[in-house]
Amino acid sequence: MGTMITLSLGCLEVDWGKNDYFKDHRAIYQEKDLKDIPTYLPGQDWPDGDPIVEMNEGFGKPLRHVKDRVELLGFTLKSIEDH
C-alpha cells in the first residue's frame, strides 16, 4: 500500500504524495513540532458522514505559526479557500 504523506489544514489535504513521490515540507516545522496528529480517513458515509480519525506521528503546528512559510511554498490562503 505504501506510505502517504500529506500537508493538511484540518480535513483538507493541500498537498500529498506517496512513497518516494512527494514534496518534503519538513522545512515548515521544527523538531519540537513532531507529535501525534489526527489523520482523517473516509468513513462509510463519506463525503456526507464524519471521517474516521486516526492519530499518527507527524509534524503539526497552528496555522498562524506557519502561514508565512506555507505561502512561500505557493499555497496561499486564498487558493486554499477557493479549493
PDB file of N, CA and C in Angstrom:
ATOM      1  N   MET A   1       0.814  -1.187   0.000  1.00  0.00           N
ATOM      2  CA  MET A   1       0.000   0.000   0.000  1.00  0.00           C
ATOM      3  C   MET A   1       0.862   1.256   0.000  1.00  0.00           C
ATOM      4  N   GLY A   2       1.956   1.270   0.718  1.00  0.00           N
ATOM      5  CA  GLY A   2       2.859   2.408   0.688  1.00  0.00           C
ATOM      6  C   GLY A   2       2.590   3.400   1.796  1.00  0.00           C
ATOM      7  N   THR A   3       3.422   4.427   1.842  1.00  0.00           N
ATOM      8  CA  THR A   3       3.318   5.460   2.842  1.00  0.00           C
ATOM      9  C   THR A   3       2.760   6.720   2.212  1.00  0.00           C
ATOM     10  N   MET A   4       1.689   7.254   2.792  1.00  0.00           N
ATOM     11  CA  MET A   4       1.095   8.501   2.322  1.00  0.00           C
ATOM     12  C   MET A   4       1.637   9.655   3.159  1.00  0.00           C
ATOM     13  N   ILE A   5       1.923  10.768   2.497  1.00  0.00           N
ATOM     14  CA  ILE A   5       2.400  11.961   3.172  1.00  0.00           C
ATOM     15  C   ILE A   5       1.509  13.108   2.715  1.00  0.00           C
ATOM     16  N   THR A   6       0.998  13.895   3.681  1.00  0.00           N
ATOM     17  CA  THR A   6       0.107  14.995   3.324  1.00  0.00           C
ATOM     18  C   THR A   6       0.516  16.281   4.029  1.00  0.00           C
ATOM     19  N   LEU A   7       0.197  17.393   3.391  1.00  0.00           N
ATOM     20  CA  LEU A   7       0.237  18.701   4.016  1.00  0.00           C
ATOM     21  C   LEU A   7      -1.221  19.108   4.105  1.00  0.00           C
ATOM     22  N   SER A   8      -1.744  19.180   5.325  1.00  0.00           N
ATOM     23  CA  SER A   8      -3.183  19.355   5.510  1.00  0.00           C
ATOM     24  C   SER A   8      -3.506  20.519   6.423  1.00  0.00           C
ATOM     25  N   LEU A   9      -4.691  21.063   6.188  1.00  0.00           N
ATOM     26  CA  LEU A   9      -5.305  22.028   7.097  1.00  0.00           C
ATOM     27  C   LEU A   9      -6.595  21.383   7.550  1.00  0.00           C
ATOM     28  N   GLY A  10      -6.576  20.776   8.716  1.00  0.00           N
ATOM     29  CA  GLY A  10      -7.738  20.014   9.165  1.00  0.00           C
ATOM     30  C   GLY A  10      -7.971  18.840   8.237  1.00  0.00           C
ATOM     31  N   CYS A  11      -9.179  18.721   7.709  1.00  0.00           N
ATOM     32  CA  CYS A  11      -9.515  17.620   6.793  1.00  0.00           C
ATOM     33  C   CYS A  11      -9.098  17.900   5.357  1.00  0.00           C
ATOM     34  N   LEU A  12      -8.689  19.110   5.033  1.00  0.00           N
ATOM     35  CA  LEU A  12      -8.338  19.484   3.666  1.00  0.00           C
ATOM     36  C   LEU A  12      -6.876  19.168   3.384  1.00  0.00           C
ATOM     37  N   GLU A  13      -6.633  18.282   2.425  1.00  0.00           N
ATOM     38  CA  GLU A  13      -5.265  17.981   2.006  1.00  0.00           C
ATOM     39  C   GLU A  13      -4.831  19.025   0.987  1.00  0.00           C
ATOM     40  N   VAL A  14      -3.844  19.826   1.350  1.00  0.00           N
ATOM     41  CA  VAL A  14      -3.335  20.878   0.479  1.00  0.00           C
ATOM     42  C   VAL A  14      -2.356  20.284  -0.536  1.00  0.00           C
ATOM     43  N   ASP A  15      -1.562  19.327  -0.099  1.00  0.00           N
ATOM     44  CA  ASP A  15      -0.588  18.649  -0.954  1.00  0.00           C
ATOM     45  C   ASP A  15      -0.415  17.241  -0.415  1.00  0.00           C
ATOM     46  N   TRP A  16      -0.104  16.295  -1.295  1.00  0.00           N
ATOM     47  CA  TRP A  16       0.084  14.925  -0.831  1.00  0.00           C
ATOM     48  C   TRP A  16       1.033  14.191  -1.767  1.00  0.00           C
ATOM     49  N   GLY A  17       1.530  13.068  -1.290  1.00  0.00           N
ATOM     50  CA  GLY A  17       2.392  12.221  -2.084  1.00  0.00           C
ATOM     51  C   GLY A  17       2.427  10.826  -1.486  1.00  0.00           C
ATOM     52  N   LYS A  18       3.039   9.910  -2.209  1.00  0.00           N
ATOM     53  CA  LYS A  18       3.090   8.521  -1.761  1.00  0.00           C
ATOM     54  C   LYS A  18       4.473   7.947  -2.049  1.00  0.00           C
ATOM     55  N   ASN A  19       4.960   7.166  -1.097  1.00  0.00           N
ATOM     56  CA  ASN A  19       6.267   6.512  -1.192  1.00  0.00           C
ATOM     57  C   ASN A  19       7.365   7.535  -1.455  1.00  0.00           C
ATOM     58  N   ASP A  20       8.053   7.464  -2.597  1.00  0.00           N
ATOM     59  CA  ASP A  20       9.156   8.376  -2.906  1.00  0.00           C
ATOM     60  C   ASP A  20       8.719   9.601  -3.691  1.00  0.00           C
ATOM     61  N   TYR A  21       7.439   9.726  -4.013  1.00  0.00           N
ATOM     62  CA  TYR A  21       6.954  10.802  -4.874  1.00  0.00           C
ATOM     63  C   TYR A  21       6.147  11.804  -4.058  1.00  0.00           C
ATOM     64  N   PHE A  22       6.864  12.696  -3.380  1.00  0.00           N
ATOM     65  CA  PHE A  22       6.212  13.708  -2.566  1.00  0.00           C
ATOM     66  C   PHE A  22       7.148  14.894  -2.392  1.00  0.00           C
ATOM     67  N   LYS A  23       6.559  16.041  -2.074  1.00  0.00           N
ATOM     68  CA  LYS A  23       7.341  17.221  -1.736  1.00  0.00           C
ATOM     69  C   LYS A  23       7.606  17.179  -0.234  1.00  0.00           C
ATOM     70  N   ASP A  24       8.821  17.457   0.143  1.00  0.00           N
ATOM     71  CA  ASP A  24       9.210  17.426   1.551  1.00  0.00           C
ATOM     72  C   ASP A  24       8.917  18.788   2.171  1.00  0.00           C
ATOM     73  N   HIS A  25       7.914  18.844   3.037  1.00  0.00           N
ATOM     74  CA  HIS A  25       7.506  20.093   3.675  1.00  0.00           C
ATOM     75  C   HIS A  25       8.032  20.210   5.103  1.00  0.00           C
ATOM     76  N   ARG A  26       9.004  19.400   5.466  1.00  0.00           N
ATOM     77  CA  ARG A  26       9.514  19.448   6.836  1.00  0.00           C
ATOM     78  C   ARG A  26      10.160  20.773   7.192  1.00  0.00           C
ATOM     79  N   ALA A  27      10.589  21.555   6.194  1.00  0.00           N
ATOM     80  CA  ALA A  27      11.221  22.850   6.476  1.00  0.00           C
ATOM     81  C   ALA A  27      10.255  23.830   7.136  1.00  0.00           C
ATOM     82  N   ILE A  28       8.967  23.568   7.033  1.00  0.00           N
ATOM     83  CA  ILE A  28       7.966  24.420   7.659  1.00  0.00           C
ATOM     84  C   ILE A  28       8.017  24.263   9.172  1.00  0.00           C
ATOM     85  N   TYR A  29       8.447  23.103   9.621  1.00  0.00           N
ATOM     86  CA  TYR A  29       8.346  22.742  11.035  1.00  0.00           C
ATOM     87  C   TYR A  29       9.714  22.654  11.703  1.00  0.00           C
ATOM     88  N   GLN A  30       9.666  22.540  13.029  1.00  0.00           N
ATOM     89  CA  GLN A  30      10.859  22.316  13.823  1.00  0.00           C
ATOM     90  C   GLN A  30      10.712  20.953  14.493  1.00  0.00           C
ATOM     91  N   GLU A  31      11.818  20.406  15.000  1.00  0.00           N
ATOM     92  CA  GLU A  31      11.790  19.081  15.628  1.00  0.00           C
ATOM     93  C   GLU A  31      10.760  19.001  16.762  1.00  0.00           C
ATOM     94  N   LYS A  32      10.590  20.093  17.496  1.00  0.00           N
ATOM     95  CA  LYS A  32       9.640  20.078  18.615  1.00  0.00           C
ATOM     96  C   LYS A  32       8.186  19.958  18.156  1.00  0.00           C
ATOM     97  N   ASP A  33       7.936  20.108  16.847  1.00  0.00           N
ATOM     98  CA  ASP A  33       6.583  20.005  16.301  1.00  0.00           C
ATOM     99  C   ASP A  33       6.187  18.563  15.985  1.00  0.00           C
ATOM    100  N   LEU A  34       7.107  17.612  16.174  1.00  0.00           N
ATOM    101  CA  LEU A  34       6.813  16.202  15.928  1.00  0.00           C
ATOM    102  C   LEU A  34       5.986  15.657  17.083  1.00  0.00           C
ATOM    103  N   LYS A  35       4.792  15.140  16.763  1.00  0.00           N
ATOM    104  CA  LYS A  35       3.860  14.657  17.774  1.00  0.00           C
ATOM    105  C   LYS A  35       2.785  13.820  17.097  1.00  0.00           C
ATOM    106  N   ASP A  36       1.875  13.287  17.864  1.00  0.00           N
ATOM    107  CA  ASP A  36       0.735  12.587  17.289  1.00  0.00           C
ATOM    108  C   ASP A  36      -0.249  13.621  16.751  1.00  0.00           C
ATOM    109  N   ILE A  37      -0.628  13.454  15.488  1.00  0.00           N
ATOM    110  CA  ILE A  37      -1.567  14.368  14.854  1.00  0.00           C
ATOM    111  C   ILE A  37      -2.715  13.569  14.247  1.00  0.00           C
ATOM    112  N   PRO A  38      -3.886  14.186  14.076  1.00  0.00           N
ATOM    113  CA  PRO A  38      -5.020  13.458  13.508  1.00  0.00           C
ATOM    114  C   PRO A  38      -4.851  13.230  12.012  1.00  0.00           C
ATOM    115  N   THR A  39      -5.211  12.038  11.574  1.00  0.00           N
ATOM    116  CA  THR A  39      -5.276  11.683  10.163  1.00  0.00           C
ATOM    117  C   THR A  39      -6.737  11.372   9.865  1.00  0.00           C
ATOM    118  N   TYR A  40      -7.289  12.016   8.843  1.00  0.00           N
ATOM    119  CA  TYR A  40      -8.706  11.861   8.519  1.00  0.00           C
ATOM    120  C   TYR A  40      -8.861  10.905   7.339  1.00  0.00           C
ATOM    121  N   LEU A  41      -9.623   9.852   7.551  1.00  0.00           N
ATOM    122  CA  LEU A  41      -9.862   8.837   6.527  1.00  0.00           C
ATOM    123  C   LEU A  41     -11.353   8.792   6.207  1.00  0.00           C
ATOM    124  N   PRO A  42     -11.709   8.473   4.955  1.00  0.00           N
ATOM    125  CA  PRO A  42     -13.130   8.430   4.619  1.00  0.00           C
ATOM    126  C   PRO A  42     -13.853   7.322   5.374  1.00  0.00           C
ATOM    127  N   GLY A  43     -15.010   7.646   5.944  1.00  0.00           N
ATOM    128  CA  GLY A  43     -15.855   6.663   6.608  1.00  0.00           C
ATOM    129  C   GLY A  43     -16.841   6.069   5.614  1.00  0.00           C
ATOM    130  N   GLN A  44     -17.735   5.232   6.078  1.00  0.00           N
ATOM    131  CA  GLN A  44     -18.708   4.584   5.202  1.00  0.00           C
ATOM    132  C   GLN A  44     -19.612   5.585   4.496  1.00  0.00           C
ATOM    133  N   ASP A  45     -19.993   6.659   5.179  1.00  0.00           N
ATOM    134  CA  ASP A  45     -20.907   7.637   4.601  1.00  0.00           C
ATOM    135  C   ASP A  45     -20.196   8.819   3.961  1.00  0.00           C
ATOM    136  N   TRP A  46     -18.915   8.666   3.708  1.00  0.00           N
ATOM    137  CA  TRP A  46     -18.131   9.761   3.143  1.00  0.00           C
ATOM    138  C   TRP A  46     -18.664  10.113   1.775  1.00  0.00           C
ATOM    139  N   PRO A  47     -18.828  11.343   1.340  1.00  0.00           N
ATOM    140  CA  PRO A  47     -18.380  12.566   1.988  1.00  0.00           C
ATOM    141  C   PRO A  47     -19.421  13.200   2.907  1.00  0.00           C
ATOM    142  N   ASP A  48     -20.608  12.611   2.993  1.00  0.00           N
ATOM    143  CA  ASP A  48     -21.656  13.223   3.809  1.00  0.00           C
ATOM    144  C   ASP A  48     -21.490  12.961   5.299  1.00  0.00           C
ATOM    145  N   GLY A  49     -20.897  11.837   5.651  1.00  0.00           N
ATOM    146  CA  GLY A  49     -20.730  11.477   7.058  1.00  0.00           C
ATOM    147  C   GLY A  49     -19.421  11.969   7.623  1.00  0.00           C
ATOM    148  N   ASP A  50     -19.189  11.633   8.869  1.00  0.00           N
ATOM    149  CA  ASP A  50     -17.955  12.028   9.541  1.00  0.00           C
ATOM    150  C   ASP A  50     -16.807  11.120   9.106  1.00  0.00           C
ATOM    151  N   PRO A  51     -15.591  11.686   9.016  1.00  0.00           N
ATOM    152  CA  PRO A  51     -14.441  10.858   8.686  1.00  0.00           C
ATOM    153  C   PRO A  51     -14.015  10.007   9.877  1.00  0.00           C
ATOM    154  N   ILE A  52     -13.227   8.979   9.581  1.00  0.00           N
ATOM    155  CA  ILE A  52     -12.573   8.192  10.625  1.00  0.00           C
ATOM    156  C   ILE A  52     -11.307   8.955  10.997  1.00  0.00           C
ATOM    157  N   VAL A  53     -11.062   9.149  12.273  1.00  0.00           N
ATOM    158  CA  VAL A  53      -9.889   9.904  12.719  1.00  0.00           C
ATOM    159  C   VAL A  53      -8.916   8.949  13.400  1.00  0.00           C
ATOM    160  N   GLU A  54      -7.688   8.891  12.887  1.00  0.00           N
ATOM    161  CA  GLU A  54      -6.616   8.099  13.493  1.00  0.00           C
ATOM    162  C   GLU A  54      -5.505   9.050  13.909  1.00  0.00           C
ATOM    163  N   MET A  55      -4.830   8.729  14.970  1.00  0.00           N
ATOM    164  CA  MET A  55      -3.696   9.529  15.412  1.00  0.00           C
ATOM    165  C   MET A  55      -2.413   8.854  14.927  1.00  0.00           C
ATOM    166  N   ASN A  56      -1.573   9.625  14.222  1.00  0.00           N
ATOM    167  CA  ASN A  56      -0.307   9.131  13.697  1.00  0.00           C
ATOM    168  C   ASN A  56       0.782  10.148  13.986  1.00  0.00           C
ATOM    169  N   GLU A  57       2.028   9.685  14.039  1.00  0.00           N
ATOM    170  CA  GLU A  57       3.145  10.595  14.279  1.00  0.00           C
ATOM    171  C   GLU A  57       3.352  11.474  13.053  1.00  0.00           C
ATOM    172  N   GLY A  58       3.500  12.754  13.294  1.00  0.00           N
ATOM    173  CA  GLY A  58       3.744  13.696  12.212  1.00  0.00           C
ATOM    174  C   GLY A  58       4.052  15.063  12.790  1.00  0.00           C
ATOM    175  N   PHE A  59       4.256  16.012  11.907  1.00  0.00           N
ATOM    176  CA  PHE A  59       4.538  17.377  12.327  1.00  0.00           C
ATOM    177  C   PHE A  59       3.232  18.167  12.331  1.00  0.00           C
ATOM    178  N   GLY A  60       3.005  18.917  13.378  1.00  0.00           N
ATOM    179  CA  GLY A  60       1.807  19.726  13.469  1.00  0.00           C
ATOM    180  C   GLY A  60       2.076  21.011  14.221  1.00  0.00           C
ATOM    181  N   LYS A  61       1.416  22.069  13.773  1.00  0.00           N
ATOM    182  CA  LYS A  61       1.589  23.378  14.380  1.00  0.00           C
ATOM    183  C   LYS A  61       0.376  24.218  14.006  1.00  0.00           C
ATOM    184  N   PRO A  62      -0.062  25.146  14.858  1.00  0.00           N
ATOM    185  CA  PRO A  62      -1.173  26.018  14.481  1.00  0.00           C
ATOM    186  C   PRO A  62      -0.849  26.815  13.212  1.00  0.00           C
ATOM    187  N   LEU A  63      -1.855  27.020  12.375  1.00  0.00           N
ATOM    188  CA  LEU A  63      -1.665  27.707  11.098  1.00  0.00           C
ATOM    189  C   LEU A  63      -1.030  29.076  11.273  1.00  0.00           C
ATOM    190  N   ARG A  64      -1.397  29.785  12.317  1.00  0.00           N
ATOM    191  CA  ARG A  64      -0.847  31.135  12.498  1.00  0.00           C
ATOM    192  C   ARG A  64       0.677  31.122  12.632  1.00  0.00           C
ATOM    193  N   HIS A  65       1.254  29.988  13.047  1.00  0.00           N
ATOM    194  CA  HIS A  65       2.706  29.894  13.216  1.00  0.00           C
ATOM    195  C   HIS A  65       3.427  29.508  11.919  1.00  0.00           C
ATOM    196  N   VAL A  66       2.713  28.961  10.944  1.00  0.00           N
ATOM    197  CA  VAL A  66       3.369  28.507   9.709  1.00  0.00           C
ATOM    198  C   VAL A  66       2.803  29.179   8.460  1.00  0.00           C
ATOM    199  N   LYS A  67       1.831  30.070   8.620  1.00  0.00           N
ATOM    200  CA  LYS A  67       1.151  30.697   7.481  1.00  0.00           C
ATOM    201  C   LYS A  67       2.138  31.301   6.482  1.00  0.00           C
ATOM    202  N   ASP A  68       3.083  32.098   6.943  1.00  0.00           N
ATOM    203  CA  ASP A  68       4.029  32.744   6.028  1.00  0.00           C
ATOM    204  C   ASP A  68       4.876  31.725   5.281  1.00  0.00           C
ATOM    205  N   ARG A  69       5.303  30.670   5.959  1.00  0.00           N
ATOM    206  CA  ARG A  69       6.127  29.641   5.309  1.00  0.00           C
ATOM    207  C   ARG A  69       5.319  28.861   4.278  1.00  0.00           C
ATOM    208  N   VAL A  70       4.055  28.573   4.602  1.00  0.00           N
ATOM    209  CA  VAL A  70       3.187  27.848   3.666  1.00  0.00           C
ATOM    210  C   VAL A  70       2.934  28.697   2.420  1.00  0.00           C
ATOM    211  N   GLU A  71       2.736  29.996   2.602  1.00  0.00           N
ATOM    212  CA  GLU A  71       2.510  30.876   1.455  1.00  0.00           C
ATOM    213  C   GLU A  71       3.763  30.994   0.583  1.00  0.00           C
ATOM    214  N   LEU A  72       4.951  30.949   1.182  1.00  0.00           N
ATOM    215  CA  LEU A  72       6.182  30.962   0.387  1.00  0.00           C
ATOM    216  C   LEU A  72       6.287  29.732  -0.513  1.00  0.00           C
ATOM    217  N   LEU A  73       5.660  28.633  -0.106  1.00  0.00           N
ATOM    218  CA  LEU A  73       5.650  27.420  -0.920  1.00  0.00           C
ATOM    219  C   LEU A  73       4.607  27.488  -2.034  1.00  0.00           C
ATOM    220  N   GLY A  74       3.819  28.568  -2.068  1.00  0.00           N
ATOM    221  CA  GLY A  74       2.828  28.738  -3.120  1.00  0.00           C
ATOM    222  C   GLY A  74       1.418  28.340  -2.733  1.00  0.00           C
ATOM    223  N   PHE A  75       1.208  27.974  -1.492  1.00  0.00           N
ATOM    224  CA  PHE A  75      -0.126  27.604  -1.013  1.00  0.00           C
ATOM    225  C   PHE A  75      -0.709  28.790  -0.255  1.00  0.00           C
ATOM    226  N   THR A  76      -1.323  29.727  -0.981  1.00  0.00           N
ATOM    227  CA  THR A  76      -1.892  30.905  -0.342  1.00  0.00           C
ATOM    228  C   THR A  76      -3.227  30.543   0.308  1.00  0.00           C
ATOM    229  N   LEU A  77      -3.583  31.292   1.335  1.00  0.00           N
ATOM    230  CA  LEU A  77      -4.877  31.047   1.994  1.00  0.00           C
ATOM    231  C   LEU A  77      -6.017  31.266   1.010  1.00  0.00           C
ATOM    232  N   LYS A  78      -5.870  32.200   0.082  1.00  0.00           N
ATOM    233  CA  LYS A  78      -6.906  32.436  -0.932  1.00  0.00           C
ATOM    234  C   LYS A  78      -7.088  31.219  -1.810  1.00  0.00           C
ATOM    235  N   SER A  79      -5.982  30.603  -2.270  1.00  0.00           N
ATOM    236  CA  SER A  79      -6.105  29.410  -3.124  1.00  0.00           C
ATOM    237  C   SER A  79      -6.674  28.234  -2.347  1.00  0.00           C
ATOM    238  N   ILE A  80      -6.354  28.149  -1.065  1.00  0.00           N
ATOM    239  CA  ILE A  80      -6.881  27.062  -0.233  1.00  0.00           C
ATOM    240  C   ILE A  80      -8.380  27.270  -0.018  1.00  0.00           C
ATOM    241  N   GLU A  81      -8.811  28.518   0.237  1.00  0.00           N
ATOM    242  CA  GLU A  81     -10.237  28.795   0.396  1.00  0.00           C
ATOM    243  C   GLU A  81     -10.997  28.461  -0.889  1.00  0.00           C
ATOM    244  N   ASP A  82     -10.409  28.805  -2.048  1.00  0.00           N
ATOM    245  CA  ASP A  82     -11.053  28.510  -3.340  1.00  0.00           C
ATOM    246  C   ASP A  82     -11.184  27.010  -3.570  1.00  0.00           C
ATOM    247  N   HIS A  83     -10.182  26.266  -3.092  1.00  0.00           N
ATOM    248  CA  HIS A  83     -10.190  24.814  -3.263  1.00  0.00           C
ATOM    249  C   HIS A  83     -11.307  24.202  -2.442  1.00  0.00           C
TER     250      HIS A  83
END
